[in-house]
Amino acid sequence: MPLDQHGRLWALSTRNSTYVVGVEVDPATDEALVLQKYWGTSLPPQAAREAATMSAGPANPSGAGRHVTSFSRPS
């Protein structure tokens, strides 16, 4: 399910879990970054949007995790 108006943030949900993923473009390199912004317990859409905005990672006590995968734009 899309979570934003720009088509760069999605929630993928199963019965027991939600994954929030997004795409960000680095303005300095024009490289597209695929970010896993949340994975965990199933979330309703508004909570998934909020999870996407958290500054998170393994050391963050919020419990959310992030993973970055990078893809260069084809020329």
N, C-alpha and C. Protein backbone atom coordinates (compact mmCIF):
# COMPACT_ATOMS: atom_id res chain seq x y z
N MET A 1 0.84 -1.17 0.00
CA MET A 1 0.00 0.00 0.00
C MET A 1 0.89 1.24 0.00
N PRO A 2 0.63 2.19 -0.88
CA PRO A 2 1.40 3.43 -0.90
C PRO A 2 1.14 4.24 0.37
N LEU A 3 2.19 4.89 0.89
CA LEU A 3 2.05 5.69 2.10
C LEU A 3 2.27 7.18 1.85
N ASP A 4 2.66 7.54 0.63
CA ASP A 4 2.87 8.96 0.34
C ASP A 4 2.32 9.30 -1.03
N GLN A 5 2.27 10.59 -1.32
CA GLN A 5 1.72 11.07 -2.59
C GLN A 5 2.70 10.95 -3.74
N HIS A 6 3.98 10.74 -3.44
CA HIS A 6 5.01 10.74 -4.47
C HIS A 6 5.38 9.35 -4.97
N GLY A 7 4.78 8.31 -4.39
CA GLY A 7 5.07 6.96 -4.81
C GLY A 7 6.46 6.48 -4.44
N ARG A 8 6.97 6.99 -3.33
CA ARG A 8 8.32 6.60 -2.89
C ARG A 8 8.33 5.91 -1.54
N LEU A 9 7.16 5.62 -0.99
CA LEU A 9 7.09 5.00 0.33
C LEU A 9 5.92 4.02 0.35
N TRP A 10 6.21 2.78 0.76
CA TRP A 10 5.18 1.74 0.75
C TRP A 10 5.23 0.93 2.03
N ALA A 11 4.06 0.39 2.39
CA ALA A 11 3.97 -0.58 3.48
C ALA A 11 3.57 -1.92 2.86
N LEU A 12 4.33 -2.94 3.19
CA LEU A 12 4.03 -4.30 2.75
C LEU A 12 3.60 -5.05 3.99
N SER A 13 2.36 -5.50 4.01
CA SER A 13 1.83 -6.10 5.23
C SER A 13 1.41 -7.55 5.03
N THR A 14 1.66 -8.34 6.06
CA THR A 14 1.14 -9.70 6.15
C THR A 14 0.22 -9.72 7.37
N ARG A 15 -0.32 -10.84 7.67
CA ARG A 15 -1.21 -10.92 8.84
C ARG A 15 -0.49 -10.55 10.12
N ASN A 16 0.79 -10.89 10.22
CA ASN A 16 1.51 -10.69 11.48
C ASN A 16 2.64 -9.67 11.44
N SER A 17 2.92 -9.09 10.27
CA SER A 17 4.05 -8.17 10.21
C SER A 17 3.84 -7.10 9.15
N THR A 18 4.63 -6.03 9.28
CA THR A 18 4.63 -4.94 8.31
C THR A 18 6.07 -4.59 7.99
N TYR A 19 6.34 -4.32 6.73
CA TYR A 19 7.62 -3.82 6.26
C TYR A 19 7.34 -2.48 5.61
N VAL A 20 8.07 -1.45 5.98
CA VAL A 20 7.94 -0.14 5.34
C VAL A 20 9.22 0.10 4.57
N VAL A 21 9.08 0.33 3.27
CA VAL A 21 10.23 0.57 2.40
C VAL A 21 10.03 1.87 1.63
N GLY A 22 11.12 2.51 1.30
CA GLY A 22 11.04 3.76 0.56
C GLY A 22 12.23 3.92 -0.35
N VAL A 23 12.13 4.88 -1.25
CA VAL A 23 13.22 5.21 -2.17
C VAL A 23 13.57 6.68 -1.94
N GLU A 24 14.85 6.93 -1.74
CA GLU A 24 15.35 8.30 -1.63
C GLU A 24 16.46 8.46 -2.65
N VAL A 25 16.55 9.64 -3.26
CA VAL A 25 17.60 9.92 -4.25
C VAL A 25 18.59 10.88 -3.62
N ASP A 26 19.86 10.49 -3.63
CA ASP A 26 20.93 11.34 -3.11
C ASP A 26 21.17 12.46 -4.11
N PRO A 27 20.92 13.72 -3.71
CA PRO A 27 21.06 14.82 -4.66
C PRO A 27 22.50 15.04 -5.14
N ALA A 28 23.47 14.62 -4.34
CA ALA A 28 24.87 14.82 -4.72
C ALA A 28 25.32 13.84 -5.79
N THR A 29 24.81 12.61 -5.74
CA THR A 29 25.27 11.58 -6.67
C THR A 29 24.20 11.12 -7.65
N ASP A 30 22.94 11.53 -7.41
CA ASP A 30 21.79 11.09 -8.20
C ASP A 30 21.57 9.58 -8.07
N GLU A 31 22.09 9.00 -7.00
CA GLU A 31 21.96 7.57 -6.75
C GLU A 31 20.67 7.32 -5.96
N ALA A 32 19.91 6.33 -6.41
CA ALA A 32 18.68 5.95 -5.71
C ALA A 32 19.01 4.98 -4.59
N LEU A 33 18.48 5.25 -3.42
CA LEU A 33 18.69 4.39 -2.26
C LEU A 33 17.36 3.76 -1.87
N VAL A 34 17.32 2.45 -1.77
CA VAL A 34 16.14 1.74 -1.30
C VAL A 34 16.33 1.53 0.20
N LEU A 35 15.42 2.06 0.99
CA LEU A 35 15.54 1.99 2.44
C LEU A 35 14.45 1.11 3.04
N GLN A 36 14.85 0.18 3.85
CA GLN A 36 13.88 -0.56 4.66
C GLN A 36 13.77 0.22 5.95
N LYS A 37 12.66 0.92 6.13
CA LYS A 37 12.52 1.85 7.24
C LYS A 37 11.92 1.21 8.48
N TYR A 38 11.19 0.14 8.31
CA TYR A 38 10.60 -0.55 9.48
C TYR A 38 10.33 -1.99 9.11
N TRP A 39 10.51 -2.87 10.07
CA TRP A 39 10.01 -4.23 9.97
C TRP A 39 9.66 -4.66 11.36
N GLY A 40 8.54 -5.34 11.47
CA GLY A 40 8.12 -5.78 12.81
C GLY A 40 6.64 -6.09 12.83
N THR A 41 6.06 -5.93 13.99
CA THR A 41 4.66 -6.21 14.22
C THR A 41 3.78 -5.48 13.23
N SER A 42 2.69 -6.11 12.82
CA SER A 42 1.75 -5.52 11.87
C SER A 42 1.27 -4.15 12.35
N LEU A 43 1.28 -3.17 11.43
CA LEU A 43 0.88 -1.80 11.75
C LEU A 43 -0.27 -1.34 10.88
N PRO A 44 -1.18 -0.53 11.43
CA PRO A 44 -2.18 0.12 10.58
C PRO A 44 -1.48 1.21 9.75
N PRO A 45 -2.10 1.69 8.67
CA PRO A 45 -1.45 2.65 7.78
C PRO A 45 -0.87 3.89 8.47
N GLN A 46 -1.59 4.51 9.38
CA GLN A 46 -1.07 5.73 10.03
C GLN A 46 0.18 5.42 10.85
N ALA A 47 0.19 4.31 11.54
CA ALA A 47 1.38 3.92 12.32
C ALA A 47 2.55 3.61 11.40
N ALA A 48 2.29 3.03 10.23
CA ALA A 48 3.35 2.76 9.26
C ALA A 48 3.95 4.07 8.76
N ARG A 49 3.11 5.08 8.52
CA ARG A 49 3.62 6.39 8.10
C ARG A 49 4.51 6.98 9.19
N GLU A 50 4.08 6.86 10.45
CA GLU A 50 4.87 7.38 11.56
C GLU A 50 6.19 6.62 11.69
N ALA A 51 6.16 5.31 11.52
CA ALA A 51 7.38 4.50 11.60
C ALA A 51 8.37 4.91 10.53
N ALA A 52 7.88 5.31 9.37
CA ALA A 52 8.75 5.70 8.27
C ALA A 52 9.53 6.97 8.58
N THR A 53 9.03 7.80 9.46
CA THR A 53 9.70 9.06 9.78
C THR A 53 10.63 8.96 10.97
N MET A 54 10.63 7.83 11.68
CA MET A 54 11.50 7.68 12.84
C MET A 54 12.95 7.58 12.42
N SER A 55 13.81 8.20 13.19
CA SER A 55 15.23 8.01 13.02
C SER A 55 15.55 6.73 13.79
N ALA A 56 15.86 5.67 13.07
CA ALA A 56 15.96 4.38 13.73
C ALA A 56 17.18 3.61 13.29
N GLY A 57 17.45 2.59 14.01
CA GLY A 57 18.55 1.70 13.71
C GLY A 57 18.75 0.75 14.87
N PRO A 58 19.67 -0.17 14.75
CA PRO A 58 19.86 -1.16 15.80
C PRO A 58 20.16 -0.56 17.17
N ALA A 59 20.83 0.61 17.21
CA ALA A 59 21.16 1.21 18.49
C ALA A 59 20.05 2.10 19.04
N ASN A 60 19.00 2.30 18.27
CA ASN A 60 17.91 3.18 18.68
C ASN A 60 16.91 2.42 19.53
N PRO A 61 16.57 2.93 20.70
CA PRO A 61 15.64 2.22 21.58
C PRO A 61 14.20 2.16 21.06
N SER A 62 13.91 2.84 19.93
CA SER A 62 12.54 2.78 19.41
C SER A 62 12.19 1.39 18.92
N GLY A 63 13.20 0.58 18.64
CA GLY A 63 12.96 -0.79 18.19
C GLY A 63 12.82 -0.94 16.70
N ALA A 64 12.68 0.16 15.97
CA ALA A 64 12.57 0.05 14.51
C ALA A 64 13.96 -0.14 13.93
N GLY A 65 14.02 -0.74 12.76
CA GLY A 65 15.31 -0.96 12.13
C GLY A 65 15.33 -0.37 10.74
N ARG A 66 16.52 -0.08 10.25
CA ARG A 66 16.69 0.44 8.90
C ARG A 66 17.74 -0.38 8.20
N HIS A 67 17.56 -0.51 6.92
CA HIS A 67 18.56 -1.17 6.09
C HIS A 67 18.61 -0.41 4.78
N VAL A 68 19.79 -0.11 4.30
CA VAL A 68 19.95 0.66 3.06
C VAL A 68 20.49 -0.24 1.97
N THR A 69 19.85 -0.21 0.82
CA THR A 69 20.36 -0.86 -0.38
C THR A 69 20.48 0.21 -1.44
N SER A 70 21.59 0.26 -2.13
CA SER A 70 21.84 1.35 -3.07
C SER A 70 21.78 0.84 -4.51
N PHE A 71 21.19 1.64 -5.38
CA PHE A 71 21.14 1.36 -6.81
C PHE A 71 21.50 2.63 -7.55
N SER A 72 22.47 2.57 -8.44
CA SER A 72 22.80 3.72 -9.26
C SER A 72 21.78 3.83 -10.37
N ARG A 73 21.48 5.07 -10.75
CA ARG A 73 20.59 5.27 -11.89
C ARG A 73 21.30 4.88 -13.16
N PRO A 74 20.62 4.17 -14.05
CA PRO A 74 21.26 3.84 -15.33
C PRO A 74 21.48 5.10 -16.15
N SER A 75 22.56 5.12 -16.91
CA SER A 75 22.82 6.31 -17.72
C SER A 75 22.44 6.08 -19.16
